[in-house]
Amino acid sequence: MSFFLYPTLPLFPLYLSLHLQAVSDFCTDPNTFVLNSTHFNSGTSSDVLDYYLTCSRRMNSPFQQLLTQSQRALSSIHTHLSSLDRNALPQVPKAEKSLREVQQILNATEGNFHQLVALLSCRGLNKDYIDSLKGLCYDGMEGLLYLSLYSFLSALAFTAILCSLPGAWRSFPSDSEEYEDSDSESEDPFTSHQYSPSMLTGYGGSQTHPNSAHSRNLYSR
């Protein structure tokens, strides 16, 4: 049984080497792997992925132009509303309510725009990306090493147990020996008792001497 276990022992170093090689290849250049896999699966632009993965100060956001245009449009709308508030309300007082509603909508839009700018920033996503890389390439690598080591030691211990089973099995008494011991203990003590010749002659002498003395007494009368 242990003979079939020995061929599986080389699988543990093979398992360890394959996983270590895969993790080491990924940790050597993770950005290239993420760029290729994400661009192939989702079709996302490489400029966008590179911006979030590197988050370099020298790189401009790929959304910078669109965000700048949106900011200018909001500023222009805010300027026109301020002009209407100064010039049109004195002439058309009934339009004040509608103008205030438009200003509230503009303020809410500006708030959402600032939240969008913060979400599109690369700092938060890049920080989470770096933390995940550290967890995988350092803590994950260490855990993989310990797991492989414990698996290998467990296989060796299991093999040692299997090798020691035949010797341990021989130390236990067999069923035939237990049966013979039970037969010897169940023998009749009376049938198995042996009398010595001295005991037999003793019994015979004690019986003949009284008979001879009795016969001499009869003749003397």
N, C-alpha and C. Protein backbone atom coordinates (compact mmCIF):
# COMPACT_ATOMS: atom_id res chain seq x y z
N MET A 1 0.83 -1.21 0.00
CA MET A 1 0.00 0.00 0.00
C MET A 1 0.86 1.25 0.00
N SER A 2 1.94 1.22 0.79
CA SER A 2 2.86 2.35 0.79
C SER A 2 3.64 2.42 -0.52
N PHE A 3 3.72 1.28 -1.24
CA PHE A 3 4.44 1.27 -2.51
C PHE A 3 3.76 2.19 -3.53
N PHE A 4 2.42 2.25 -3.47
CA PHE A 4 1.71 3.11 -4.40
C PHE A 4 1.75 4.56 -3.96
N LEU A 5 2.16 4.85 -2.74
CA LEU A 5 2.23 6.22 -2.27
C LEU A 5 3.52 6.91 -2.66
N TYR A 6 4.57 6.14 -2.85
CA TYR A 6 5.86 6.74 -3.18
C TYR A 6 5.84 7.49 -4.51
N PRO A 7 5.20 7.00 -5.56
CA PRO A 7 5.17 7.80 -6.80
C PRO A 7 4.49 9.14 -6.65
N THR A 8 3.62 9.32 -5.64
CA THR A 8 2.94 10.59 -5.47
C THR A 8 3.77 11.62 -4.74
N LEU A 9 4.86 11.19 -4.09
CA LEU A 9 5.68 12.16 -3.36
C LEU A 9 6.32 13.20 -4.27
N PRO A 10 6.81 12.85 -5.47
CA PRO A 10 7.35 13.91 -6.34
C PRO A 10 6.32 14.92 -6.81
N LEU A 11 5.03 14.64 -6.65
CA LEU A 11 4.02 15.59 -7.08
C LEU A 11 4.00 16.83 -6.20
N PHE A 12 4.41 16.71 -4.95
CA PHE A 12 4.41 17.87 -4.07
C PHE A 12 5.43 18.91 -4.49
N PRO A 13 6.69 18.55 -4.77
CA PRO A 13 7.61 19.57 -5.31
C PRO A 13 7.17 20.11 -6.66
N LEU A 14 6.55 19.27 -7.49
CA LEU A 14 6.05 19.74 -8.78
C LEU A 14 4.92 20.74 -8.59
N TYR A 15 4.02 20.42 -7.66
CA TYR A 15 2.94 21.35 -7.33
C TYR A 15 3.49 22.68 -6.83
N LEU A 16 4.49 22.61 -5.96
CA LEU A 16 5.11 23.82 -5.41
C LEU A 16 5.79 24.63 -6.50
N SER A 17 6.55 23.97 -7.36
CA SER A 17 7.30 24.69 -8.39
C SER A 17 6.37 25.36 -9.40
N LEU A 18 5.28 24.69 -9.77
CA LEU A 18 4.36 25.28 -10.74
C LEU A 18 3.69 26.52 -10.19
N HIS A 19 3.22 26.44 -8.95
CA HIS A 19 2.54 27.60 -8.37
C HIS A 19 3.51 28.73 -8.09
N LEU A 20 4.69 28.40 -7.61
CA LEU A 20 5.68 29.45 -7.36
C LEU A 20 6.09 30.14 -8.66
N GLN A 21 6.22 29.37 -9.71
CA GLN A 21 6.59 29.96 -10.99
C GLN A 21 5.48 30.87 -11.52
N ALA A 22 4.23 30.44 -11.37
CA ALA A 22 3.12 31.26 -11.84
C ALA A 22 3.03 32.56 -11.05
N VAL A 23 3.14 32.46 -9.73
CA VAL A 23 3.04 33.67 -8.90
C VAL A 23 4.24 34.58 -9.13
N SER A 24 5.42 34.01 -9.28
CA SER A 24 6.61 34.83 -9.50
C SER A 24 6.54 35.55 -10.85
N ASP A 25 6.04 34.87 -11.88
CA ASP A 25 5.89 35.52 -13.18
C ASP A 25 4.89 36.68 -13.11
N PHE A 26 3.82 36.47 -12.37
CA PHE A 26 2.83 37.54 -12.24
C PHE A 26 3.39 38.71 -11.44
N CYS A 27 4.07 38.42 -10.34
CA CYS A 27 4.58 39.48 -9.48
C CYS A 27 5.77 40.21 -10.09
N THR A 28 6.45 39.61 -11.05
CA THR A 28 7.56 40.30 -11.70
C THR A 28 7.08 41.48 -12.53
N ASP A 29 6.00 41.31 -13.26
CA ASP A 29 5.44 42.39 -14.08
C ASP A 29 3.93 42.28 -14.09
N PRO A 30 3.27 42.66 -12.99
CA PRO A 30 1.81 42.48 -12.92
C PRO A 30 1.05 43.42 -13.85
N ASN A 31 1.60 44.61 -14.11
CA ASN A 31 0.87 45.57 -14.94
C ASN A 31 0.67 45.04 -16.36
N THR A 32 1.70 44.42 -16.91
CA THR A 32 1.58 43.88 -18.27
C THR A 32 0.53 42.78 -18.34
N PHE A 33 0.52 41.91 -17.33
CA PHE A 33 -0.48 40.83 -17.30
C PHE A 33 -1.89 41.39 -17.20
N VAL A 34 -2.09 42.38 -16.33
CA VAL A 34 -3.43 42.96 -16.17
C VAL A 34 -3.85 43.71 -17.42
N LEU A 35 -2.91 44.43 -18.03
CA LEU A 35 -3.22 45.16 -19.27
C LEU A 35 -3.66 44.21 -20.38
N ASN A 36 -2.91 43.14 -20.57
CA ASN A 36 -3.23 42.21 -21.65
C ASN A 36 -4.54 41.48 -21.40
N SER A 37 -4.72 40.97 -20.18
CA SER A 37 -5.92 40.19 -19.89
C SER A 37 -7.17 41.07 -19.90
N THR A 38 -7.09 42.28 -19.33
CA THR A 38 -8.26 43.16 -19.28
C THR A 38 -8.61 43.69 -20.66
N HIS A 39 -7.59 44.06 -21.41
CA HIS A 39 -7.85 44.56 -22.77
C HIS A 39 -8.43 43.46 -23.66
N PHE A 40 -7.99 42.23 -23.45
CA PHE A 40 -8.50 41.13 -24.27
C PHE A 40 -9.93 40.77 -23.88
N ASN A 41 -10.25 40.80 -22.58
CA ASN A 41 -11.57 40.37 -22.12
C ASN A 41 -12.63 41.46 -22.24
N SER A 42 -12.29 42.69 -21.88
CA SER A 42 -13.29 43.76 -21.85
C SER A 42 -13.13 44.79 -22.96
N GLY A 43 -11.98 44.80 -23.62
CA GLY A 43 -11.77 45.77 -24.68
C GLY A 43 -11.53 47.18 -24.19
N THR A 44 -11.15 47.35 -22.93
CA THR A 44 -10.87 48.67 -22.38
C THR A 44 -9.59 49.23 -22.99
N SER A 45 -9.58 50.54 -23.17
CA SER A 45 -8.42 51.18 -23.76
C SER A 45 -7.19 51.00 -22.88
N SER A 46 -6.05 50.79 -23.52
CA SER A 46 -4.80 50.61 -22.77
C SER A 46 -4.38 51.88 -22.05
N ASP A 47 -4.75 53.05 -22.59
CA ASP A 47 -4.42 54.32 -21.92
C ASP A 47 -5.14 54.44 -20.59
N VAL A 48 -6.39 54.03 -20.57
CA VAL A 48 -7.16 54.08 -19.32
C VAL A 48 -6.59 53.11 -18.30
N LEU A 49 -6.28 51.89 -18.73
CA LEU A 49 -5.72 50.90 -17.81
C LEU A 49 -4.35 51.33 -17.30
N ASP A 50 -3.53 51.86 -18.17
CA ASP A 50 -2.19 52.30 -17.77
C ASP A 50 -2.28 53.46 -16.79
N TYR A 51 -3.26 54.33 -16.97
CA TYR A 51 -3.42 55.46 -16.05
C TYR A 51 -3.77 55.00 -14.65
N TYR A 52 -4.66 54.03 -14.53
CA TYR A 52 -5.07 53.56 -13.21
C TYR A 52 -4.04 52.62 -12.58
N LEU A 53 -3.30 51.88 -13.38
CA LEU A 53 -2.33 50.95 -12.81
C LEU A 53 -1.06 51.65 -12.34
N THR A 54 -0.63 52.64 -13.09
CA THR A 54 0.61 53.35 -12.72
C THR A 54 0.33 54.57 -11.86
N CYS A 55 -0.70 55.35 -12.23
CA CYS A 55 -1.08 56.56 -11.48
C CYS A 55 0.14 57.48 -11.30
N SER A 56 0.80 57.73 -12.39
CA SER A 56 1.97 58.60 -12.36
C SER A 56 1.52 60.06 -12.48
N ARG A 57 2.27 60.94 -11.81
CA ARG A 57 1.94 62.36 -11.88
C ARG A 57 2.22 62.94 -13.26
N ARG A 58 3.10 62.32 -13.99
CA ARG A 58 3.43 62.81 -15.32
C ARG A 58 2.36 62.47 -16.35
N MET A 59 1.50 61.53 -16.01
CA MET A 59 0.45 61.12 -16.95
C MET A 59 -0.82 61.91 -16.69
N ASN A 60 -1.45 62.33 -17.76
CA ASN A 60 -2.72 63.02 -17.66
C ASN A 60 -3.86 62.00 -17.73
N SER A 61 -4.93 62.34 -17.07
CA SER A 61 -6.08 61.45 -17.08
C SER A 61 -6.68 61.39 -18.48
N PRO A 62 -7.05 60.22 -18.94
CA PRO A 62 -7.69 60.13 -20.27
C PRO A 62 -9.05 60.81 -20.31
N PHE A 63 -9.62 61.10 -19.15
CA PHE A 63 -10.91 61.80 -19.09
C PHE A 63 -10.73 63.30 -18.85
N GLN A 64 -9.49 63.75 -18.86
CA GLN A 64 -9.24 65.14 -18.50
C GLN A 64 -9.91 66.11 -19.48
N GLN A 65 -9.86 65.82 -20.74
CA GLN A 65 -10.45 66.72 -21.73
C GLN A 65 -11.96 66.80 -21.58
N LEU A 66 -12.60 65.65 -21.39
CA LEU A 66 -14.05 65.65 -21.21
C LEU A 66 -14.45 66.35 -19.91
N LEU A 67 -13.69 66.13 -18.86
CA LEU A 67 -13.99 66.78 -17.59
C LEU A 67 -13.81 68.29 -17.68
N THR A 68 -12.81 68.72 -18.41
CA THR A 68 -12.58 70.16 -18.57
C THR A 68 -13.72 70.80 -19.36
N GLN A 69 -14.18 70.12 -20.41
CA GLN A 69 -15.30 70.65 -21.18
C GLN A 69 -16.57 70.72 -20.34
N SER A 70 -16.80 69.70 -19.52
CA SER A 70 -17.98 69.71 -18.66
C SER A 70 -17.90 70.82 -17.62
N GLN A 71 -16.71 71.03 -17.08
CA GLN A 71 -16.53 72.09 -16.10
C GLN A 71 -16.77 73.47 -16.73
N ARG A 72 -16.31 73.65 -17.93
CA ARG A 72 -16.54 74.93 -18.61
C ARG A 72 -18.02 75.13 -18.92
N ALA A 73 -18.71 74.06 -19.28
CA ALA A 73 -20.15 74.18 -19.57
C ALA A 73 -20.92 74.55 -18.31
N LEU A 74 -20.58 73.93 -17.20
CA LEU A 74 -21.26 74.26 -15.94
C LEU A 74 -20.97 75.70 -15.52
N SER A 75 -19.75 76.13 -15.71
CA SER A 75 -19.40 77.52 -15.37
C SER A 75 -20.15 78.51 -16.26
N SER A 76 -20.29 78.16 -17.55
CA SER A 76 -21.02 79.03 -18.46
C SER A 76 -22.49 79.13 -18.08
N ILE A 77 -23.10 77.99 -17.73
CA ILE A 77 -24.51 78.00 -17.31
C ILE A 77 -24.67 78.82 -16.04
N HIS A 78 -23.75 78.67 -15.12
CA HIS A 78 -23.83 79.44 -13.88
C HIS A 78 -23.70 80.94 -14.15
N THR A 79 -22.87 81.31 -15.11
CA THR A 79 -22.71 82.73 -15.46
C THR A 79 -23.99 83.28 -16.08
N HIS A 80 -24.63 82.51 -16.97
CA HIS A 80 -25.88 82.96 -17.60
C HIS A 80 -27.01 83.08 -16.58
N LEU A 81 -27.07 82.18 -15.65
CA LEU A 81 -28.12 82.27 -14.62
C LEU A 81 -27.91 83.49 -13.73
N SER A 82 -26.68 83.79 -13.41
CA SER A 82 -26.40 84.99 -12.61
C SER A 82 -26.79 86.25 -13.37
N SER A 83 -26.55 86.26 -14.68
CA SER A 83 -26.93 87.41 -15.50
C SER A 83 -28.45 87.57 -15.57
N LEU A 84 -29.16 86.43 -15.70
CA LEU A 84 -30.62 86.50 -15.69
C LEU A 84 -31.15 86.96 -14.35
N ASP A 85 -30.48 86.54 -13.29
CA ASP A 85 -30.92 86.96 -11.96
C ASP A 85 -30.77 88.46 -11.77
N ARG A 86 -29.76 89.05 -12.39
CA ARG A 86 -29.55 90.49 -12.21
C ARG A 86 -30.41 91.32 -13.16
N ASN A 87 -30.59 90.84 -14.37
CA ASN A 87 -31.22 91.69 -15.39
C ASN A 87 -32.67 91.33 -15.68
N ALA A 88 -33.02 90.04 -15.66
CA ALA A 88 -34.36 89.65 -16.09
C ALA A 88 -35.38 89.68 -14.97
N LEU A 89 -34.97 89.39 -13.75
CA LEU A 89 -35.95 89.32 -12.65
C LEU A 89 -36.61 90.67 -12.37
N PRO A 90 -35.89 91.77 -12.42
CA PRO A 90 -36.61 93.04 -12.21
C PRO A 90 -37.69 93.30 -13.26
N GLN A 91 -37.50 92.80 -14.46
CA GLN A 91 -38.49 93.02 -15.52
C GLN A 91 -39.56 91.93 -15.54
N VAL A 92 -39.20 90.71 -15.16
CA VAL A 92 -40.15 89.59 -15.15
C VAL A 92 -40.12 88.95 -13.76
N PRO A 93 -40.83 89.47 -12.79
CA PRO A 93 -40.77 88.90 -11.43
C PRO A 93 -41.35 87.49 -11.34
N LYS A 94 -42.27 87.14 -12.25
CA LYS A 94 -42.88 85.82 -12.17
C LYS A 94 -41.87 84.69 -12.50
N ALA A 95 -40.79 85.02 -13.14
CA ALA A 95 -39.81 84.00 -13.52
C ALA A 95 -38.83 83.66 -12.39
N GLU A 96 -39.03 84.32 -11.25
CA GLU A 96 -38.08 84.08 -10.13
C GLU A 96 -38.15 82.64 -9.63
N LYS A 97 -39.35 82.08 -9.52
CA LYS A 97 -39.49 80.71 -9.02
C LYS A 97 -38.80 79.71 -9.95
N SER A 98 -39.05 79.87 -11.25
CA SER A 98 -38.42 78.95 -12.22
C SER A 98 -36.91 79.10 -12.22
N LEU A 99 -36.45 80.34 -12.07
CA LEU A 99 -35.01 80.57 -12.05
C LEU A 99 -34.36 79.94 -10.82
N ARG A 100 -35.04 80.01 -9.69
CA ARG A 100 -34.49 79.38 -8.47
C ARG A 100 -34.43 77.85 -8.61
N GLU A 101 -35.42 77.27 -9.25
CA GLU A 101 -35.40 75.82 -9.47
C GLU A 101 -34.24 75.42 -10.38
N VAL A 102 -33.99 76.21 -11.41
CA VAL A 102 -32.87 75.91 -12.30
C VAL A 102 -31.54 76.03 -11.56
N GLN A 103 -31.44 77.03 -10.70
CA GLN A 103 -30.20 77.18 -9.91
C GLN A 103 -29.99 76.00 -8.95
N GLN A 104 -31.07 75.49 -8.35
CA GLN A 104 -30.93 74.31 -7.49
C GLN A 104 -30.47 73.09 -8.29
N ILE A 105 -31.04 72.93 -9.48
CA ILE A 105 -30.61 71.81 -10.33
C ILE A 105 -29.14 71.96 -10.72
N LEU A 106 -28.73 73.20 -11.01
CA LEU A 106 -27.33 73.44 -11.37
C LEU A 106 -26.40 73.15 -10.20
N ASN A 107 -26.80 73.53 -9.01
CA ASN A 107 -25.96 73.25 -7.83
C ASN A 107 -25.83 71.74 -7.58
N ALA A 108 -26.93 71.00 -7.75
CA ALA A 108 -26.87 69.54 -7.59
C ALA A 108 -25.99 68.91 -8.67
N THR A 109 -26.07 69.44 -9.88
CA THR A 109 -25.24 68.91 -10.97
C THR A 109 -23.76 69.16 -10.69
N GLU A 110 -23.44 70.35 -10.18
CA GLU A 110 -22.04 70.64 -9.84
C GLU A 110 -21.54 69.72 -8.73
N GLY A 111 -22.38 69.42 -7.74
CA GLY A 111 -21.98 68.49 -6.68
C GLY A 111 -21.71 67.09 -7.22
N ASN A 112 -22.60 66.62 -8.10
CA ASN A 112 -22.38 65.31 -8.72
C ASN A 112 -21.14 65.30 -9.60
N PHE A 113 -20.88 66.44 -10.24
CA PHE A 113 -19.69 66.52 -11.09
C PHE A 113 -18.41 66.40 -10.26
N HIS A 114 -18.38 67.06 -9.12
CA HIS A 114 -17.19 66.96 -8.26
C HIS A 114 -17.01 65.54 -7.71
N GLN A 115 -18.11 64.86 -7.41
CA GLN A 115 -18.02 63.46 -6.98
C GLN A 115 -17.49 62.57 -8.10
N LEU A 116 -17.93 62.85 -9.33
CA LEU A 116 -17.44 62.08 -10.47
C LEU A 116 -15.94 62.29 -10.68
N VAL A 117 -15.48 63.52 -10.51
CA VAL A 117 -14.05 63.79 -10.66
C VAL A 117 -13.25 63.02 -9.61
N ALA A 118 -13.77 62.97 -8.38
CA ALA A 118 -13.07 62.23 -7.31
C ALA A 118 -13.07 60.73 -7.59
N LEU A 119 -14.15 60.21 -8.14
CA LEU A 119 -14.21 58.78 -8.45
C LEU A 119 -13.30 58.41 -9.61
N LEU A 120 -13.16 59.31 -10.57
CA LEU A 120 -12.31 59.03 -11.72
C LEU A 120 -10.83 59.22 -11.42
N SER A 121 -10.50 59.73 -10.26
CA SER A 121 -9.10 59.89 -9.90
C SER A 121 -8.46 58.51 -9.71
N CYS A 122 -7.18 58.41 -10.05
CA CYS A 122 -6.50 57.11 -10.00
C CYS A 122 -5.97 56.78 -8.61
N ARG A 123 -6.02 57.69 -7.68
CA ARG A 123 -5.36 57.46 -6.39
C ARG A 123 -6.02 56.34 -5.60
N GLY A 124 -7.33 56.37 -5.48
CA GLY A 124 -8.02 55.35 -4.68
C GLY A 124 -7.90 53.96 -5.28
N LEU A 125 -8.14 53.86 -6.59
CA LEU A 125 -8.06 52.55 -7.25
C LEU A 125 -6.63 52.02 -7.28
N ASN A 126 -5.67 52.92 -7.51
CA ASN A 126 -4.28 52.48 -7.54
C ASN A 126 -3.81 52.01 -6.16
N LYS A 127 -4.28 52.65 -5.10
CA LYS A 127 -3.92 52.22 -3.74
C LYS A 127 -4.47 50.82 -3.46
N ASP A 128 -5.72 50.56 -3.83
CA ASP A 128 -6.29 49.22 -3.65
C ASP A 128 -5.55 48.19 -4.50
N TYR A 129 -5.14 48.58 -5.68
CA TYR A 129 -4.41 47.67 -6.57
C TYR A 129 -3.05 47.30 -5.97
N ILE A 130 -2.33 48.28 -5.44
CA ILE A 130 -1.02 48.02 -4.84
C ILE A 130 -1.17 47.16 -3.58
N ASP A 131 -2.19 47.42 -2.78
CA ASP A 131 -2.41 46.61 -1.57
C ASP A 131 -2.71 45.15 -1.94
N SER A 132 -3.48 44.95 -2.98
CA SER A 132 -3.78 43.57 -3.41
C SER A 132 -2.53 42.87 -3.94
N LEU A 133 -1.66 43.61 -4.65
CA LEU A 133 -0.42 43.02 -5.13
C LEU A 133 0.50 42.63 -3.97
N LYS A 134 0.58 43.48 -2.97
CA LYS A 134 1.40 43.15 -1.80
C LYS A 134 0.86 41.91 -1.09
N GLY A 135 -0.45 41.83 -0.95
CA GLY A 135 -1.03 40.66 -0.30
C GLY A 135 -0.79 39.38 -1.07
N LEU A 136 -0.84 39.46 -2.39
CA LEU A 136 -0.64 38.26 -3.20
C LEU A 136 0.83 37.87 -3.30
N CYS A 137 1.69 38.85 -3.56
CA CYS A 137 3.10 38.55 -3.84
C CYS A 137 3.93 38.33 -2.59
N TYR A 138 3.47 38.79 -1.44
CA TYR A 138 4.22 38.60 -0.21
C TYR A 138 3.50 37.62 0.72
N ASP A 139 2.32 38.00 1.17
CA ASP A 139 1.59 37.12 2.09
C ASP A 139 1.14 35.84 1.39
N GLY A 140 0.66 35.97 0.14
CA GLY A 140 0.24 34.78 -0.58
C GLY A 140 1.38 33.83 -0.88
N MET A 141 2.53 34.38 -1.23
CA MET A 141 3.70 33.54 -1.49
C MET A 141 4.14 32.81 -0.22
N GLU A 142 4.15 33.53 0.89
CA GLU A 142 4.53 32.89 2.16
C GLU A 142 3.55 31.79 2.55
N GLY A 143 2.25 32.06 2.39
CA GLY A 143 1.26 31.04 2.69
C GLY A 143 1.37 29.83 1.78
N LEU A 144 1.70 30.05 0.52
CA LEU A 144 1.88 28.93 -0.41
C LEU A 144 3.08 28.08 -0.02
N LEU A 145 4.15 28.72 0.42
CA LEU A 145 5.33 27.96 0.85
C LEU A 145 5.02 27.11 2.07
N TYR A 146 4.34 27.70 3.07
CA TYR A 146 3.99 26.93 4.26
C TYR A 146 3.02 25.80 3.93
N LEU A 147 2.06 26.06 3.06
CA LEU A 147 1.10 25.02 2.69
C LEU A 147 1.79 23.85 1.99
N SER A 148 2.70 24.15 1.10
CA SER A 148 3.42 23.09 0.40
C SER A 148 4.32 22.31 1.34
N LEU A 149 4.96 23.02 2.27
CA LEU A 149 5.82 22.34 3.24
C LEU A 149 5.01 21.42 4.13
N TYR A 150 3.87 21.88 4.64
CA TYR A 150 3.04 21.05 5.50
C TYR A 150 2.47 19.86 4.72
N SER A 151 2.14 20.05 3.47
CA SER A 151 1.64 18.93 2.67
C SER A 151 2.71 17.88 2.47
N PHE A 152 3.93 18.32 2.21
CA PHE A 152 5.03 17.38 2.01
C PHE A 152 5.33 16.62 3.30
N LEU A 153 5.34 17.33 4.45
CA LEU A 153 5.58 16.65 5.72
C LEU A 153 4.45 15.69 6.06
N SER A 154 3.23 16.05 5.73
CA SER A 154 2.10 15.14 5.98
C SER A 154 2.23 13.87 5.15
N ALA A 155 2.68 14.01 3.91
CA ALA A 155 2.87 12.82 3.07
C ALA A 155 3.97 11.93 3.63
N LEU A 156 5.06 12.52 4.12
CA LEU A 156 6.12 11.72 4.72
C LEU A 156 5.65 11.02 5.98
N ALA A 157 4.89 11.73 6.82
CA ALA A 157 4.37 11.10 8.03
C ALA A 157 3.41 9.96 7.70
N PHE A 158 2.58 10.16 6.70
CA PHE A 158 1.66 9.10 6.31
C PHE A 158 2.41 7.89 5.77
N THR A 159 3.48 8.13 5.04
CA THR A 159 4.30 7.03 4.53
C THR A 159 4.98 6.27 5.66
N ALA A 160 5.48 7.01 6.67
CA ALA A 160 6.11 6.36 7.81
C ALA A 160 5.12 5.50 8.58
N ILE A 161 3.89 5.98 8.70
CA ILE A 161 2.86 5.20 9.39
C ILE A 161 2.56 3.92 8.63
N LEU A 162 2.46 4.02 7.32
CA LEU A 162 2.19 2.83 6.52
C LEU A 162 3.33 1.83 6.59
N CYS A 163 4.56 2.32 6.65
CA CYS A 163 5.71 1.41 6.74
C CYS A 163 5.78 0.72 8.11
N SER A 164 5.30 1.37 9.14
CA SER A 164 5.36 0.78 10.48
C SER A 164 4.19 -0.14 10.79
N LEU A 165 3.18 -0.16 9.94
CA LEU A 165 2.02 -1.01 10.21
C LEU A 165 2.35 -2.50 10.20
N PRO A 166 3.15 -3.03 9.26
CA PRO A 166 3.44 -4.48 9.31
C PRO A 166 4.12 -4.92 10.60
N GLY A 167 5.11 -4.16 11.08
CA GLY A 167 5.76 -4.52 12.33
C GLY A 167 4.83 -4.44 13.52
N ALA A 168 3.96 -3.43 13.53
CA ALA A 168 3.00 -3.32 14.62
C ALA A 168 1.98 -4.44 14.57
N TRP A 169 1.64 -4.88 13.36
CA TRP A 169 0.66 -5.96 13.23
C TRP A 169 1.22 -7.29 13.72
N ARG A 170 2.51 -7.51 13.55
CA ARG A 170 3.11 -8.76 14.03
C ARG A 170 3.17 -8.82 15.54
N SER A 171 3.21 -7.69 16.21
CA SER A 171 3.29 -7.69 17.67
C SER A 171 1.99 -8.09 18.33
N PHE A 172 0.87 -8.04 17.61
CA PHE A 172 -0.41 -8.45 18.17
C PHE A 172 -0.54 -9.96 18.10
N PRO A 173 -1.10 -10.65 19.13
CA PRO A 173 -1.28 -12.11 19.09
C PRO A 173 -2.31 -12.50 18.05
N SER A 174 -2.04 -13.65 17.43
CA SER A 174 -2.98 -14.14 16.41
C SER A 174 -4.16 -14.84 17.06
N ASP A 175 -5.16 -15.16 16.25
CA ASP A 175 -6.36 -15.83 16.76
C ASP A 175 -6.06 -17.25 17.22
N SER A 176 -5.14 -17.97 16.56
CA SER A 176 -4.82 -19.35 16.95
C SER A 176 -4.15 -19.39 18.31
N GLU A 177 -3.26 -18.43 18.56
CA GLU A 177 -2.60 -18.40 19.87
C GLU A 177 -3.59 -18.09 20.98
N GLU A 178 -4.51 -17.18 20.71
CA GLU A 178 -5.52 -16.89 21.72
C GLU A 178 -6.40 -18.11 21.98
N TYR A 179 -6.69 -18.90 20.92
CA TYR A 179 -7.51 -20.09 21.10
C TYR A 179 -6.78 -21.14 21.91
N GLU A 180 -5.48 -21.36 21.69
CA GLU A 180 -4.71 -22.31 22.48
C GLU A 180 -4.63 -21.89 23.94
N ASP A 181 -4.45 -20.59 24.18
CA ASP A 181 -4.42 -20.12 25.56
C ASP A 181 -5.74 -20.35 26.26
N SER A 182 -6.83 -20.14 25.55
CA SER A 182 -8.14 -20.37 26.17
C SER A 182 -8.36 -21.86 26.45
N ASP A 183 -7.85 -22.78 25.58
CA ASP A 183 -7.99 -24.22 25.83
C ASP A 183 -7.18 -24.67 27.03
N SER A 184 -5.98 -24.14 27.19
CA SER A 184 -5.14 -24.53 28.33
C SER A 184 -5.72 -24.05 29.64
N GLU A 185 -6.40 -22.90 29.60
CA GLU A 185 -7.01 -22.40 30.83
C GLU A 185 -8.28 -23.16 31.19
N SER A 186 -8.94 -23.80 30.21
CA SER A 186 -10.20 -24.50 30.48
C SER A 186 -10.01 -25.98 30.80
N GLU A 187 -8.79 -26.51 30.93
CA GLU A 187 -8.57 -27.92 31.26
C GLU A 187 -9.02 -28.23 32.68
N ASP A 188 -9.47 -29.52 32.92
CA ASP A 188 -9.93 -29.97 34.23
C ASP A 188 -8.73 -30.17 35.14
N PRO A 189 -8.70 -29.54 36.30
CA PRO A 189 -7.55 -29.69 37.19
C PRO A 189 -7.42 -31.11 37.74
N PHE A 190 -8.56 -31.87 37.84
CA PHE A 190 -8.49 -33.22 38.39
C PHE A 190 -7.92 -34.21 37.39
N THR A 191 -8.29 -34.03 36.13
CA THR A 191 -7.76 -34.97 35.12
C THR A 191 -6.33 -34.67 34.76
N SER A 192 -5.94 -33.44 34.91
CA SER A 192 -4.58 -33.07 34.53
C SER A 192 -3.60 -33.23 35.68
N HIS A 193 -4.08 -33.59 36.92
CA HIS A 193 -3.18 -33.71 38.06
C HIS A 193 -2.40 -35.03 37.98
N GLN A 194 -1.09 -35.02 38.10
CA GLN A 194 -0.23 -36.20 38.01
C GLN A 194 0.28 -36.56 39.41
N TYR A 195 0.20 -37.85 39.72
CA TYR A 195 0.68 -38.35 41.02
C TYR A 195 2.08 -38.89 40.86
N SER A 196 2.90 -38.60 41.83
CA SER A 196 4.29 -39.09 41.80
C SER A 196 4.37 -40.52 42.35
N PRO A 197 5.40 -41.31 41.97
CA PRO A 197 5.52 -42.70 42.48
C PRO A 197 5.68 -42.76 43.99
N SER A 198 6.32 -41.79 44.58
CA SER A 198 6.48 -41.79 46.05
C SER A 198 5.15 -41.70 46.74
N MET A 199 4.24 -40.88 46.13
CA MET A 199 2.92 -40.76 46.73
C MET A 199 2.15 -42.08 46.62
N LEU A 200 2.31 -42.75 45.47
CA LEU A 200 1.60 -44.02 45.32
C LEU A 200 2.13 -45.08 46.28
N THR A 201 3.47 -45.19 46.46
CA THR A 201 4.04 -46.17 47.39
C THR A 201 3.68 -45.84 48.82
N GLY A 202 3.56 -44.56 49.10
CA GLY A 202 3.17 -44.16 50.46
C GLY A 202 1.78 -44.63 50.78
N TYR A 203 0.92 -44.43 49.78
CA TYR A 203 -0.44 -44.90 50.02
C TYR A 203 -0.49 -46.42 50.17
N GLY A 204 0.33 -47.15 49.38
CA GLY A 204 0.33 -48.63 49.47
C GLY A 204 0.91 -49.13 50.78
N GLY A 205 1.99 -48.53 51.31
CA GLY A 205 2.59 -48.94 52.58
C GLY A 205 1.69 -48.69 53.74
N SER A 206 0.95 -47.62 53.67
CA SER A 206 0.06 -47.32 54.79
C SER A 206 -1.09 -48.30 54.85
N GLN A 207 -1.40 -48.92 53.71
CA GLN A 207 -2.50 -49.87 53.72
C GLN A 207 -2.03 -51.29 54.09
N THR A 208 -0.74 -51.68 53.80
CA THR A 208 -0.29 -53.06 54.05
C THR A 208 0.16 -53.28 55.48
N HIS A 209 0.72 -52.29 56.12
CA HIS A 209 1.22 -52.47 57.48
C HIS A 209 0.12 -52.75 58.48
N PRO A 210 -0.99 -52.12 58.49
CA PRO A 210 -2.04 -52.48 59.45
C PRO A 210 -2.58 -53.88 59.23
N ASN A 211 -2.62 -54.35 57.98
CA ASN A 211 -3.14 -55.69 57.71
C ASN A 211 -2.22 -56.78 58.28
N SER A 212 -0.88 -56.59 58.14
CA SER A 212 0.06 -57.60 58.67
C SER A 212 0.04 -57.64 60.19
N ALA A 213 -0.09 -56.54 60.83
CA ALA A 213 -0.17 -56.51 62.30
C ALA A 213 -1.44 -57.18 62.77
N HIS A 214 -2.51 -57.01 62.11
CA HIS A 214 -3.77 -57.62 62.49
C HIS A 214 -3.71 -59.14 62.32
N SER A 215 -3.00 -59.59 61.27
CA SER A 215 -2.88 -61.04 61.08
C SER A 215 -2.02 -61.67 62.16
N ARG A 216 -0.95 -61.02 62.64
CA ARG A 216 -0.12 -61.57 63.70
C ARG A 216 -0.91 -61.66 65.00
N ASN A 217 -1.75 -60.73 65.23
CA ASN A 217 -2.57 -60.79 66.44
C ASN A 217 -3.55 -61.98 66.40
N LEU A 218 -4.02 -62.29 65.25
CA LEU A 218 -4.94 -63.41 65.14
C LEU A 218 -4.23 -64.74 65.40
N TYR A 219 -3.00 -64.93 64.91
CA TYR A 219 -2.25 -66.16 65.12
C TYR A 219 -1.82 -66.32 66.57
N SER A 220 -1.54 -65.22 67.22
CA SER A 220 -1.09 -65.32 68.62
C SER A 220 -2.21 -65.78 69.52
N ARG A 221 -3.40 -65.58 69.22
CA ARG A 221 -4.51 -66.05 70.01
C ARG A 221 -4.68 -67.52 69.83
